[in-house]
C-alpha atoms as a PDB file:
ATOM      1  CA  MET A   1     -89.646 118.886  23.313  1.00  0.00           C
ATOM      2  CA  ARG A   2     -87.532 122.030  22.974  1.00  0.00           C
ATOM      3  CA  ARG A   3     -84.408 121.993  25.136  1.00  0.00           C
ATOM      4  CA  TYR A   4     -83.680 125.724  24.970  1.00  0.00           C
ATOM      5  CA  VAL A   5     -85.588 128.922  25.687  1.00  0.00           C
ATOM      6  CA  THR A   6     -84.554 132.032  23.725  1.00  0.00           C
ATOM      7  CA  LEU A   7     -85.072 135.482  25.219  1.00  0.00           C
ATOM      8  CA  ARG A   8     -85.007 138.338  22.678  1.00  0.00           C
ATOM      9  CA  SER A   9     -85.235 142.122  22.847  1.00  0.00           C
ATOM     10  CA  ARG A  10     -87.934 143.815  20.765  1.00  0.00           C
ATOM     11  CA  ASN A  11     -85.506 144.924  18.059  1.00  0.00           C
ATOM     12  CA  GLY A  12     -83.889 141.485  17.974  1.00  0.00           C
ATOM     13  CA  ARG A  13     -80.355 142.823  18.481  1.00  0.00           C
ATOM     14  CA  PHE A  14     -80.002 141.243  21.915  1.00  0.00           C
ATOM     15  CA  HIS A  15     -80.922 137.648  22.599  1.00  0.00           C
ATOM     16  CA  ILE A  16     -79.795 134.960  24.983  1.00  0.00           C
ATOM     17  CA  GLN A  17     -80.392 131.231  24.812  1.00  0.00           C
ATOM     18  CA  LEU A  18     -80.876 129.327  28.060  1.00  0.00           C
ATOM     19  CA  GLU A  19     -81.374 125.642  28.690  1.00  0.00           C
ATOM     20  CA  LYS A  20     -84.643 124.751  30.388  1.00  0.00           C
ATOM     21  CA  ARG A  21     -82.596 122.807  32.936  1.00  0.00           C
ATOM     22  CA  ALA A  22     -80.701 126.001  33.771  1.00  0.00           C
ATOM     23  CA  LEU A  23     -83.991 127.859  34.261  1.00  0.00           C
ATOM     24  CA  TRP A  24     -85.142 125.197  36.732  1.00  0.00           C
ATOM     25  CA  ILE A  25     -81.851 125.467  38.619  1.00  0.00           C
ATOM     26  CA  MET A  26     -82.084 129.271  38.709  1.00  0.00           C
ATOM     27  CA  GLY A  27     -85.636 129.023  39.980  1.00  0.00           C
ATOM     28  CA  GLY A  28     -84.573 126.562  42.680  1.00  0.00           C
ATOM     29  CA  LEU A  29     -81.662 128.753  43.804  1.00  0.00           C
ATOM     30  CA  THR A  30     -83.862 131.862  43.885  1.00  0.00           C
ATOM     31  CA  LEU A  31     -86.466 130.002  45.949  1.00  0.00           C
ATOM     32  CA  ALA A  32     -83.755 128.720  48.312  1.00  0.00           C
ATOM     33  CA  LEU A  33     -82.459 132.271  48.799  1.00  0.00           C
ATOM     34  CA  LEU A  34     -85.943 133.609  49.501  1.00  0.00           C
ATOM     35  CA  ILE A  35     -86.864 130.845  51.963  1.00  0.00           C
ATOM     36  CA  MET A  36     -83.514 131.038  53.717  1.00  0.00           C
ATOM     37  CA  GLY A  37     -83.761 134.817  53.891  1.00  0.00           C
ATOM     38  CA  VAL A  38     -87.221 134.794  55.447  1.00  0.00           C
ATOM     39  CA  MET A  39     -86.288 132.030  57.896  1.00  0.00           C
ATOM     40  CA  SER A  40     -82.893 133.336  58.982  1.00  0.00           C
ATOM     41  CA  VAL A  41     -83.097 137.130  58.825  1.00  0.00           C
ATOM     42  CA  GLY A  42     -84.990 136.987  62.121  1.00  0.00           C
ATOM     43  CA  TRP A  43     -82.204 135.093  63.894  1.00  0.00           C
ATOM     44  CA  GLY A  44     -80.100 137.003  66.375  1.00  0.00           C
ATOM     45  CA  ASP A  45     -80.201 138.542  69.825  1.00  0.00           C
ATOM     46  CA  THR A  46     -83.804 139.520  69.181  1.00  0.00           C
ATOM     47  CA  TYR A  47     -85.661 136.683  67.453  1.00  0.00           C
ATOM     48  CA  VAL A  48     -88.230 137.682  64.855  1.00  0.00           C
ATOM     49  CA  HIS A  49     -90.696 135.047  63.676  1.00  0.00           C
ATOM     50  CA  PRO A  50     -90.663 134.327  59.913  1.00  0.00           C
ATOM     51  CA  TRP A  51     -94.318 135.330  59.672  1.00  0.00           C
ATOM     52  CA  GLU A  52     -93.453 138.731  61.155  1.00  0.00           C
ATOM     53  CA  VAL A  53     -90.565 139.006  58.656  1.00  0.00           C
ATOM     54  CA  LEU A  54     -92.967 138.336  55.782  1.00  0.00           C
ATOM     55  CA  ARG A  55     -95.419 140.920  57.107  1.00  0.00           C
ATOM     56  CA  ALA A  56     -92.592 143.450  57.362  1.00  0.00           C
ATOM     57  CA  ILE A  57     -91.564 142.759  53.756  1.00  0.00           C
ATOM     58  CA  TRP A  58     -95.104 143.475  52.601  1.00  0.00           C
ATOM     59  CA  GLY A  59     -95.268 146.616  54.756  1.00  0.00           C
ATOM     60  CA  ARG A  60     -97.839 145.187  57.171  1.00  0.00           C
ATOM     61  CA  GLY A  61     -95.626 144.494  60.174  1.00  0.00           C
ATOM     62  CA  SER A  62     -96.591 145.336  63.731  1.00  0.00           C
ATOM     63  CA  GLY A  63     -93.846 147.959  63.932  1.00  0.00           C
ATOM     64  CA  ASP A  64     -92.187 146.347  66.936  1.00  0.00           C
ATOM     65  CA  TYR A  65     -89.228 145.122  64.881  1.00  0.00           C
ATOM     66  CA  ASP A  66     -88.981 147.855  62.248  1.00  0.00           C
ATOM     67  CA  PHE A  67     -85.631 149.189  63.461  1.00  0.00           C
ATOM     68  CA  ILE A  68     -84.042 145.697  63.702  1.00  0.00           C
ATOM     69  CA  LEU A  69     -85.335 144.532  60.327  1.00  0.00           C
ATOM     70  CA  TYR A  70     -85.278 147.667  58.165  1.00  0.00           C
ATOM     71  CA  ARG A  71     -82.151 149.339  59.577  1.00  0.00           C
ATOM     72  CA  LEU A  72     -79.979 146.347  60.477  1.00  0.00           C
ATOM     73  CA  ARG A  73     -80.864 142.965  59.012  1.00  0.00           C
ATOM     74  CA  PHE A  74     -82.534 143.606  55.636  1.00  0.00           C
ATOM     75  CA  PRO A  75     -79.731 145.869  54.336  1.00  0.00           C
ATOM     76  CA  ARG A  76     -77.092 143.438  55.593  1.00  0.00           C
ATOM     77  CA  ALA A  77     -78.752 140.415  53.972  1.00  0.00           C
ATOM     78  CA  LEU A  78     -79.365 142.157  50.642  1.00  0.00           C
ATOM     79  CA  THR A  79     -75.834 143.585  50.554  1.00  0.00           C
ATOM     80  CA  GLY A  80     -74.387 140.111  51.146  1.00  0.00           C
ATOM     81  CA  VAL A  81     -76.436 138.594  48.325  1.00  0.00           C
ATOM     82  CA  LEU A  82     -75.544 141.365  45.863  1.00  0.00           C
ATOM     83  CA  VAL A  83     -71.838 141.301  46.790  1.00  0.00           C
ATOM     84  CA  GLY A  84     -71.772 137.536  46.244  1.00  0.00           C
ATOM     85  CA  ALA A  85     -73.618 137.906  42.938  1.00  0.00           C
ATOM     86  CA  ALA A  86     -71.138 140.511  41.707  1.00  0.00           C
ATOM     87  CA  LEU A  87     -68.128 138.379  42.679  1.00  0.00           C
ATOM     88  CA  GLY A  88     -69.692 135.270  41.125  1.00  0.00           C
ATOM     89  CA  ILE A  89     -70.269 137.015  37.782  1.00  0.00           C
ATOM     90  CA  ALA A  90     -66.793 138.597  37.840  1.00  0.00           C
ATOM     91  CA  GLY A  91     -65.217 135.198  38.475  1.00  0.00           C
ATOM     92  CA  ALA A  92     -67.195 133.529  35.681  1.00  0.00           C
ATOM     93  CA  VAL A  93     -66.166 136.256  33.229  1.00  0.00           C
ATOM     94  CA  LEU A  94     -62.477 136.056  34.156  1.00  0.00           C
ATOM     95  CA  GLN A  95     -62.437 132.274  33.900  1.00  0.00           C
ATOM     96  CA  GLY A  96     -64.057 132.587  30.480  1.00  0.00           C
ATOM     97  CA  ILE A  97     -61.588 135.232  29.275  1.00  0.00           C
ATOM     98  CA  ILE A  98     -58.518 133.377  30.509  1.00  0.00           C
ATOM     99  CA  ARG A  99     -59.878 129.882  29.825  1.00  0.00           C
ATOM    100  CA  ASN A 100     -58.508 128.824  33.189  1.00  0.00           C
ATOM    101  CA  PRO A 101     -60.696 127.569  36.055  1.00  0.00           C
ATOM    102  CA  LEU A 102     -58.219 128.949  38.611  1.00  0.00           C
ATOM    103  CA  ALA A 103     -58.868 132.572  37.583  1.00  0.00           C
ATOM    104  CA  SER A 104     -60.731 134.885  39.949  1.00  0.00           C
ATOM    105  CA  PRO A 105     -60.664 138.590  40.910  1.00  0.00           C
ATOM    106  CA  ASP A 106     -58.450 137.981  43.955  1.00  0.00           C
ATOM    107  CA  ILE A 107     -55.926 135.786  42.144  1.00  0.00           C
ATOM    108  CA  LEU A 108     -55.526 138.203  39.189  1.00  0.00           C
ATOM    109  CA  GLY A 109     -54.860 141.273  41.326  1.00  0.00           C
ATOM    110  CA  ILE A 110     -58.208 143.039  40.815  1.00  0.00           C
ATOM    111  CA  THR A 111     -59.174 142.630  44.467  1.00  0.00           C
ATOM    112  CA  GLY A 112     -55.620 143.561  45.479  1.00  0.00           C
ATOM    113  CA  GLY A 113     -55.759 146.818  43.529  1.00  0.00           C
ATOM    114  CA  ALA A 114     -59.093 147.713  45.087  1.00  0.00           C
ATOM    115  CA  SER A 115     -57.698 146.860  48.538  1.00  0.00           C
ATOM    116  CA  VAL A 116     -54.610 149.075  48.117  1.00  0.00           C
ATOM    117  CA  ALA A 117     -56.776 152.012  47.025  1.00  0.00           C
ATOM    118  CA  ALA A 118     -59.265 151.449  49.847  1.00  0.00           C
ATOM    119  CA  VAL A 119     -56.596 151.145  52.550  1.00  0.00           C
ATOM    120  CA  THR A 120     -54.906 154.279  51.190  1.00  0.00           C
ATOM    121  CA  PHE A 121     -58.238 156.092  51.387  1.00  0.00           C
ATOM    122  CA  ILE A 122     -58.871 154.860  54.963  1.00  0.00           C
ATOM    123  CA  ALA A 123     -55.362 155.764  56.115  1.00  0.00           C
ATOM    124  CA  TYR A 124     -54.855 159.105  54.373  1.00  0.00           C
ATOM    125  CA  GLY A 125     -58.063 160.296  52.743  1.00  0.00           C
ATOM    126  CA  GLY A 126     -60.671 159.614  55.412  1.00  0.00           C
ATOM    127  CA  ALA A 127     -59.940 162.864  57.251  1.00  0.00           C
ATOM    128  CA  VAL A 128     -60.407 164.945  54.091  1.00  0.00           C
ATOM    129  CA  LEU A 129     -63.075 163.141  52.059  1.00  0.00           C
ATOM    130  CA  SER A 130     -66.387 161.551  53.028  1.00  0.00           C
ATOM    131  CA  ILE A 131     -66.446 157.764  53.478  1.00  0.00           C
ATOM    132  CA  GLN A 132     -68.991 157.703  50.626  1.00  0.00           C
ATOM    133  CA  TRP A 133     -66.039 158.149  48.246  1.00  0.00           C
ATOM    134  CA  LEU A 134     -64.547 154.813  49.333  1.00  0.00           C
ATOM    135  CA  PRO A 135     -66.312 152.788  46.568  1.00  0.00           C
ATOM    136  CA  VAL A 136     -64.988 155.226  43.958  1.00  0.00           C
ATOM    137  CA  ALA A 137     -61.453 154.830  45.314  1.00  0.00           C
ATOM    138  CA  ALA A 138     -61.693 151.035  45.356  1.00  0.00           C
ATOM    139  CA  VAL A 139     -63.039 150.769  41.805  1.00  0.00           C
ATOM    140  CA  ALA A 140     -60.361 153.213  40.615  1.00  0.00           C
ATOM    141  CA  GLY A 141     -57.669 151.065  42.234  1.00  0.00           C
ATOM    142  CA  ALA A 142     -59.050 147.934  40.602  1.00  0.00           C
ATOM    143  CA  LEU A 143     -59.167 149.681  37.221  1.00  0.00           C
ATOM    144  CA  VAL A 144     -55.575 150.931  37.497  1.00  0.00           C
ATOM    145  CA  VAL A 145     -54.194 147.503  38.400  1.00  0.00           C
ATOM    146  CA  SER A 146     -56.269 145.788  35.695  1.00  0.00           C
ATOM    147  CA  LEU A 147     -54.995 148.281  33.117  1.00  0.00           C
ATOM    148  CA  LEU A 148     -51.445 147.614  34.291  1.00  0.00           C
ATOM    149  CA  VAL A 149     -52.014 143.853  34.009  1.00  0.00           C
ATOM    150  CA  TYR A 150     -53.320 144.289  30.483  1.00  0.00           C
ATOM    151  CA  ILE A 151     -50.438 146.548  29.385  1.00  0.00           C
ATOM    152  CA  LEU A 152     -47.766 144.234  30.821  1.00  0.00           C
ATOM    153  CA  ALA A 153     -49.456 141.193  29.265  1.00  0.00           C
ATOM    154  CA  TRP A 154     -49.709 142.823  25.809  1.00  0.00           C
ATOM    155  CA  LYS A 155     -47.524 141.476  23.041  1.00  0.00           C
ATOM    156  CA  ASP A 156     -49.269 141.532  19.670  1.00  0.00           C
ATOM    157  CA  GLY A 157     -52.453 141.037  21.629  1.00  0.00           C
ATOM    158  CA  VAL A 158     -53.161 139.531  25.039  1.00  0.00           C
ATOM    159  CA  THR A 159     -53.062 135.787  25.520  1.00  0.00           C
ATOM    160  CA  PRO A 160     -54.785 134.131  28.502  1.00  0.00           C
ATOM    161  CA  ILE A 161     -51.597 132.586  29.899  1.00  0.00           C
ATOM    162  CA  ARG A 162     -49.719 135.937  29.943  1.00  0.00           C
ATOM    163  CA  LEU A 163     -52.728 137.616  31.529  1.00  0.00           C
ATOM    164  CA  VAL A 164     -52.884 135.151  34.418  1.00  0.00           C
ATOM    165  CA  LEU A 165     -49.106 135.134  35.040  1.00  0.00           C
ATOM    166  CA  VAL A 166     -48.877 138.937  35.127  1.00  0.00           C
ATOM    167  CA  GLY A 167     -52.022 139.071  37.262  1.00  0.00           C
ATOM    168  CA  ILE A 168     -50.598 136.686  39.872  1.00  0.00           C
ATOM    169  CA  GLY A 169     -47.396 138.733  40.050  1.00  0.00           C
ATOM    170  CA  LEU A 170     -49.241 142.025  40.521  1.00  0.00           C
ATOM    171  CA  ALA A 171     -51.577 140.436  43.085  1.00  0.00           C
ATOM    172  CA  SER A 172     -48.521 139.577  45.194  1.00  0.00           C
ATOM    173  CA  ALA A 173     -47.175 143.110  44.762  1.00  0.00           C
ATOM    174  CA  MET A 174     -50.505 144.645  45.834  1.00  0.00           C
ATOM    175  CA  SER A 175     -50.595 142.399  48.899  1.00  0.00           C
ATOM    176  CA  SER A 176     -47.092 143.574  49.873  1.00  0.00           C
ATOM    177  CA  ILE A 177     -48.023 147.246  49.449  1.00  0.00           C
ATOM    178  CA  THR A 178     -51.160 146.770  51.565  1.00  0.00           C
ATOM    179  CA  THR A 179     -49.144 145.082  54.327  1.00  0.00           C
ATOM    180  CA  LEU A 180     -46.565 147.893  54.247  1.00  0.00           C
ATOM    181  CA  MET A 181     -49.254 150.551  54.647  1.00  0.00           C
ATOM    182  CA  LEU A 182     -50.819 148.661  57.556  1.00  0.00           C
ATOM    183  CA  VAL A 183     -47.448 148.429  59.312  1.00  0.00           C
ATOM    184  CA  MET A 184     -46.754 152.146  58.839  1.00  0.00           C
ATOM    185  CA  SER A 185     -50.242 153.283  59.908  1.00  0.00           C
ATOM    186  CA  SER A 186     -51.457 154.044  63.420  1.00  0.00           C
ATOM    187  CA  SER A 187     -52.919 151.182  65.428  1.00  0.00           C
ATOM    188  CA  PHE A 188     -56.445 152.614  65.114  1.00  0.00           C
ATOM    189  CA  THR A 189     -56.218 153.014  61.335  1.00  0.00           C
ATOM    190  CA  ALA A 190     -54.552 149.622  60.922  1.00  0.00           C
ATOM    191  CA  GLY A 191     -57.249 147.910  62.970  1.00  0.00           C
ATOM    192  CA  LYS A 192     -60.004 149.579  60.967  1.00  0.00           C
ATOM    193  CA  ALA A 193     -58.344 148.666  57.665  1.00  0.00           C
ATOM    194  CA  TYR A 194     -57.612 145.102  58.778  1.00  0.00           C
ATOM    195  CA  ILE A 195     -61.265 144.452  59.630  1.00  0.00           C
ATOM    196  CA  TRP A 196     -62.239 145.846  56.227  1.00  0.00           C
ATOM    197  CA  LEU A 197     -59.625 143.680  54.459  1.00  0.00           C
ATOM    198  CA  THR A 198     -60.945 140.526  56.128  1.00  0.00           C
ATOM    199  CA  GLY A 199     -64.287 141.113  54.429  1.00  0.00           C
ATOM    200  CA  SER A 200     -67.570 141.775  56.178  1.00  0.00           C
ATOM    201  CA  VAL A 201     -71.025 143.219  55.504  1.00  0.00           C
ATOM    202  CA  TYR A 202     -71.389 144.195  59.155  1.00  0.00           C
ATOM    203  CA  GLY A 203     -73.059 147.589  59.440  1.00  0.00           C
ATOM    204  CA  ALA A 204     -74.299 147.554  55.837  1.00  0.00           C
ATOM    205  CA  SER A 205     -76.790 150.304  55.021  1.00  0.00           C
ATOM    206  CA  TRP A 206     -79.354 150.877  52.301  1.00  0.00           C
ATOM    207  CA  ASN A 207     -76.777 153.039  50.510  1.00  0.00           C
ATOM    208  CA  ASN A 208     -74.597 149.936  50.198  1.00  0.00           C
ATOM    209  CA  VAL A 209     -77.569 148.020  48.787  1.00  0.00           C
ATOM    210  CA  TYR A 210     -78.233 150.727  46.194  1.00  0.00           C
ATOM    211  CA  THR A 211     -74.546 150.906  45.212  1.00  0.00           C
ATOM    212  CA  MET A 212     -74.331 147.166  44.646  1.00  0.00           C
ATOM    213  CA  LEU A 213     -77.719 147.028  42.928  1.00  0.00           C
ATOM    214  CA  ILE A 214     -76.691 149.662  40.382  1.00  0.00           C
ATOM    215  CA  ALA A 215     -73.457 147.811  39.568  1.00  0.00           C
ATOM    216  CA  VAL A 216     -75.160 144.404  39.219  1.00  0.00           C
ATOM    217  CA  VAL A 217     -78.173 145.681  37.247  1.00  0.00           C
ATOM    218  CA  ILE A 218     -75.999 147.586  34.755  1.00  0.00           C
ATOM    219  CA  CYS A 219     -73.178 145.064  34.304  1.00  0.00           C
ATOM    220  CA  THR A 220     -75.128 141.770  34.199  1.00  0.00           C
ATOM    221  CA  PRO A 221     -77.043 142.493  30.945  1.00  0.00           C
ATOM    222  CA  LEU A 222     -73.780 143.664  29.341  1.00  0.00           C
ATOM    223  CA  VAL A 223     -72.030 140.440  30.356  1.00  0.00           C
ATOM    224  CA  LEU A 224     -74.947 138.474  28.904  1.00  0.00           C
ATOM    225  CA  TYR A 225     -74.652 140.515  25.696  1.00  0.00           C
ATOM    226  CA  PHE A 226     -71.014 139.405  25.339  1.00  0.00           C
ATOM    227  CA  SER A 227     -71.727 135.820  26.434  1.00  0.00           C
ATOM    228  CA  ARG A 228     -71.765 134.536  22.837  1.00  0.00           C
ATOM    229  CA  SER A 229     -68.341 136.089  22.301  1.00  0.00           C
ATOM    230  CA  LEU A 230     -67.037 134.308  25.415  1.00  0.00           C
ATOM    231  CA  ASN A 231     -68.460 131.000  24.211  1.00  0.00           C
ATOM    232  CA  THR A 232     -66.632 131.452  20.911  1.00  0.00           C
ATOM    233  CA  GLN A 233     -63.364 132.515  22.570  1.00  0.00           C
ATOM    234  CA  GLU A 234     -63.236 129.185  24.374  1.00  0.00           C
ATOM    235  CA  LEU A 235     -62.490 127.622  20.982  1.00  0.00           C
ATOM    236  CA  GLY A 236     -59.277 129.679  20.826  1.00  0.00           C
ATOM    237  CA  ASP A 237     -58.421 133.183  19.623  1.00  0.00           C
ATOM    238  CA  ASP A 238     -57.707 132.135  16.025  1.00  0.00           C
ATOM    239  CA  VAL A 239     -61.010 130.292  15.655  1.00  0.00           C
ATOM    240  CA  ALA A 240     -62.932 133.126  17.320  1.00  0.00           C
ATOM    241  CA  THR A 241     -61.326 135.699  15.021  1.00  0.00           C
ATOM    242  CA  GLY A 242     -62.139 133.515  12.021  1.00  0.00           C
ATOM    243  CA  LEU A 243     -65.775 133.451  13.118  1.00  0.00           C
ATOM    244  CA  GLY A 244     -65.890 137.246  13.140  1.00  0.00           C
ATOM    245  CA  VAL A 245     -65.412 137.922  16.850  1.00  0.00           C
ATOM    246  CA  GLU A 246     -63.419 141.050  17.734  1.00  0.00           C
ATOM    247  CA  VAL A 247     -61.452 139.159  20.377  1.00  0.00           C
ATOM    248  CA  GLN A 248     -59.281 141.935  21.824  1.00  0.00           C
ATOM    249  CA  ARG A 249     -62.041 144.556  21.969  1.00  0.00           C
ATOM    250  CA  HIS A 250     -64.506 142.151  23.566  1.00  0.00           C
ATOM    251  CA  ARG A 251     -61.842 140.956  25.992  1.00  0.00           C
ATOM    252  CA  VAL A 252     -61.197 144.531  27.137  1.00  0.00           C
ATOM    253  CA  MET A 253     -64.924 145.184  27.605  1.00  0.00           C
ATOM    254  CA  LEU A 254     -65.436 141.981  29.587  1.00  0.00           C
ATOM    255  CA  LEU A 255     -62.392 142.684  31.727  1.00  0.00           C
ATOM    256  CA  LEU A 256     -63.743 146.172  32.437  1.00  0.00           C
ATOM    257  CA  LEU A 257     -67.129 144.763  33.487  1.00  0.00           C
ATOM    258  CA  SER A 258     -65.516 142.232  35.817  1.00  0.00           C
ATOM    259  CA  VAL A 259     -63.359 145.000  37.328  1.00  0.00           C
ATOM    260  CA  ILE A 260     -66.402 147.186  38.001  1.00  0.00           C
ATOM    261  CA  LEU A 261     -68.288 144.302  39.624  1.00  0.00           C
ATOM    262  CA  ALA A 262     -65.375 143.081  41.737  1.00  0.00           C
ATOM    263  CA  GLY A 263     -64.196 146.594  42.630  1.00  0.00           C
ATOM    264  CA  THR A 264     -67.652 147.666  43.787  1.00  0.00           C
ATOM    265  CA  ALA A 265     -68.056 144.473  45.834  1.00  0.00           C
ATOM    266  CA  VAL A 266     -64.674 145.003  47.507  1.00  0.00           C
ATOM    267  CA  ALA A 267     -65.495 148.658  48.185  1.00  0.00           C
ATOM    268  CA  VAL A 268     -68.746 147.753  49.931  1.00  0.00           C
ATOM    269  CA  ALA A 269     -67.812 144.553  51.771  1.00  0.00           C
ATOM    270  CA  GLY A 270     -64.026 144.416  51.835  1.00  0.00           C
ATOM    271  CA  ALA A 271     -61.857 141.654  50.444  1.00  0.00           C
ATOM    272  CA  ILE A 272     -64.201 138.669  50.671  1.00  0.00           C
ATOM    273  CA  GLY A 273     -62.023 136.083  49.000  1.00  0.00           C
ATOM    274  CA  PHE A 274     -62.560 132.968  46.890  1.00  0.00           C
ATOM    275  CA  VAL A 275     -66.247 133.571  46.068  1.00  0.00           C
ATOM    276  CA  GLY A 276     -65.289 134.477  42.487  1.00  0.00           C
ATOM    277  CA  LEU A 277     -63.385 131.191  42.295  1.00  0.00           C
ATOM    278  CA  ILE A 278     -65.926 128.836  43.896  1.00  0.00           C
ATOM    279  CA  ALA A 279     -69.246 130.106  42.516  1.00  0.00           C
ATOM    280  CA  PRO A 280     -68.458 129.588  38.778  1.00  0.00           C
ATOM    281  CA  HIS A 281     -67.146 126.075  39.492  1.00  0.00           C
ATOM    282  CA  ILE A 282     -70.335 125.046  41.257  1.00  0.00           C
ATOM    283  CA  ALA A 283     -72.436 126.671  38.531  1.00  0.00           C
ATOM    284  CA  ARG A 284     -70.417 124.953  35.787  1.00  0.00           C
ATOM    285  CA  ARG A 285     -71.108 121.539  37.307  1.00  0.00           C
ATOM    286  CA  TRP A 286     -74.836 122.257  37.223  1.00  0.00           C
ATOM    287  CA  VAL A 287     -75.361 124.035  33.894  1.00  0.00           C
ATOM    288  CA  GLY A 288     -72.236 123.371  31.816  1.00  0.00           C
ATOM    289  CA  ARG A 289     -70.004 125.929  30.097  1.00  0.00           C
ATOM    290  CA  SER A 290     -72.536 128.037  28.190  1.00  0.00           C
ATOM    291  CA  MET A 291     -71.814 131.572  29.427  1.00  0.00           C
ATOM    292  CA  GLY A 292     -75.418 132.783  29.403  1.00  0.00           C
ATOM    293  CA  SER A 293     -76.605 130.204  31.920  1.00  0.00           C
ATOM    294  CA  LEU A 294     -73.265 130.148  33.714  1.00  0.00           C
ATOM    295  CA  THR A 295     -73.342 133.901  34.396  1.00  0.00           C
ATOM    296  CA  LEU A 296     -76.785 133.882  35.985  1.00  0.00           C
ATOM    297  CA  VAL A 297     -76.256 130.713  38.025  1.00  0.00           C
ATOM    298  CA  SER A 298     -72.839 131.971  39.211  1.00  0.00           C
ATOM    299  CA  ALA A 299     -74.552 135.132  40.451  1.00  0.00           C
ATOM    300  CA  LEU A 300     -77.104 133.138  42.439  1.00  0.00           C
ATOM    301  CA  VAL A 301     -74.517 130.716  43.846  1.00  0.00           C
ATOM    302  CA  GLY A 302     -72.221 133.605  44.796  1.00  0.00           C
ATOM    303  CA  GLY A 303     -75.074 135.402  46.531  1.00  0.00           C
ATOM    304  CA  LEU A 304     -75.984 132.247  48.445  1.00  0.00           C
ATOM    305  CA  LEU A 305     -72.352 131.655  49.498  1.00  0.00           C
ATOM    306  CA  VAL A 306     -71.842 135.157  50.898  1.00  0.00           C
ATOM    307  CA  TYR A 307     -75.255 135.133  52.566  1.00  0.00           C
ATOM    308  CA  LEU A 308     -74.502 131.819  54.286  1.00  0.00           C
ATOM    309  CA  ALA A 309     -71.030 133.011  55.302  1.00  0.00           C
ATOM    310  CA  ASP A 310     -72.463 136.189  56.812  1.00  0.00           C
ATOM    311  CA  LEU A 311     -75.236 134.254  58.551  1.00  0.00           C
ATOM    312  CA  LEU A 312     -72.621 132.065  60.221  1.00  0.00           C
ATOM    313  CA  ALA A 313     -70.526 135.125  61.007  1.00  0.00           C
ATOM    314  CA  ARG A 314     -73.490 136.809  62.671  1.00  0.00           C
ATOM    315  CA  THR A 315     -74.876 133.883  64.665  1.00  0.00           C
ATOM    316  CA  ALA A 316     -72.288 131.119  65.180  1.00  0.00           C
ATOM    317  CA  PHE A 317     -70.136 132.940  67.759  1.00  0.00           C
ATOM    318  CA  TYR A 318     -72.644 135.427  69.142  1.00  0.00           C
ATOM    319  CA  PRO A 319     -72.145 138.020  70.635  1.00  0.00           C
ATOM    320  CA  ILE A 320     -68.913 138.220  68.601  1.00  0.00           C
ATOM    321  CA  ASP A 321     -69.567 139.179  64.961  1.00  0.00           C
ATOM    322  CA  ILE A 322     -66.953 137.363  62.862  1.00  0.00           C
ATOM    323  CA  PRO A 323     -66.070 138.807  59.400  1.00  0.00           C
ATOM    324  CA  ALA A 324     -67.731 136.756  56.648  1.00  0.00           C
ATOM    325  CA  GLY A 325     -64.440 136.649  54.728  1.00  0.00           C
ATOM    326  CA  ILE A 326     -63.018 134.257  57.329  1.00  0.00           C
ATOM    327  CA  PHE A 327     -65.635 131.658  56.430  1.00  0.00           C
ATOM    328  CA  THR A 328     -65.289 132.093  52.653  1.00  0.00           C
ATOM    329  CA  ALA A 329     -61.499 131.787  52.988  1.00  0.00           C
ATOM    330  CA  GLY A 330     -61.913 128.715  55.204  1.00  0.00           C
ATOM    331  CA  VAL A 331     -63.838 127.012  52.389  1.00  0.00           C
ATOM    332  CA  GLY A 332     -62.070 128.652  49.447  1.00  0.00           C
ATOM    333  CA  ALA A 333     -58.440 127.931  50.336  1.00  0.00           C
ATOM    334  CA  PRO A 334     -58.894 124.116  50.527  1.00  0.00           C
ATOM    335  CA  PHE A 335     -61.041 124.288  47.374  1.00  0.00           C
ATOM    336  CA  PHE A 336     -58.239 126.125  45.539  1.00  0.00           C
ATOM    337  CA  LEU A 337     -55.716 123.470  46.627  1.00  0.00           C
ATOM    338  CA  TYR A 338     -58.114 120.758  45.461  1.00  0.00           C
ATOM    339  CA  LEU A 339     -58.340 122.384  42.020  1.00  0.00           C
ATOM    340  CA  LEU A 340     -54.547 122.626  41.798  1.00  0.00           C
ATOM    341  CA  LEU A 341     -54.138 118.931  42.652  1.00  0.00           C
ATOM    342  CA  GLN A 342     -56.897 117.957  40.256  1.00  0.00           C
ATOM    343  CA  ARG A 343     -55.284 119.829  37.353  1.00  0.00           C
ATOM    344  CA  ARG A 344     -51.849 118.404  38.210  1.00  0.00           C
ATOM    345  CA  ASN A 345     -53.223 114.866  38.090  1.00  0.00           C
ATOM    346  CA  ARG A 346     -54.758 115.541  34.684  1.00  0.00           C
ATOM    347  CA  HIS A 347     -51.379 116.476  33.284  1.00  0.00           C
END
């Protein structure tokens, strides 16, 4: 019995090989997301029965809950899933590039760069430009910091260890700059920025869904295209180069894709931390290290994590709506410490 399923484009230039076990896991995660979404999207101050939710999805609802479902809960749920998917893929890519399971967008400064740009926009640009430009500002900030990380880490090429060390240093610098701007801003602006920095999909609109959907739909196939290169890079740069992989060029492209995904997620939902760290680890335990399967499963796990965090944020302390980032940090920080202790014991 064949263990793998190969998906090919018509011209044969693009193909990806997935284990059948990974396909079953992806199917199970997708089903879990759908069932959980139908069951829980109706929870809240106004309860909507799952059957009514299903009818609304198919456009046959009674109309009594259209405003609650279509304007409030559906966009929020979909935004959470797409933000988690983007962070999960970005984390898997960064861990593959750096060959370090502790890598993630927040630890390497990508989230920090997006946060500095977003807080600057909120504090100084909001009165001049429309809030719709916030995602552009956040992605630009992430790109600038990532470029700076790459330049500072360059020495006859970029090695994973230099990349992670420079990234951690710049992440600390970005955090300090963000704190300084919050201290120097007015109380209203600081409060608004602080809520955004905590990470929340509260008030998400269909525009947020479309923004995230474009980023995920464009970047995911490109990450899958470079997945074979990432698999080869795990053998080491010298071996990968010997096998014909253009290591530095592919590394730049993959870093750019992870920046776009993480920057867009931060722009839409704020600094929801640790999802890019946790999701690839869970996915790796289920499907192994093959980047094709790992990318897709990381996306689904990330989407499920953010959706669950936002569900708790919306319902656990009602009528107070807690930022989802508090729950992801509450799980992610101990998980990060566990990984550190685990790696220390190995050495």
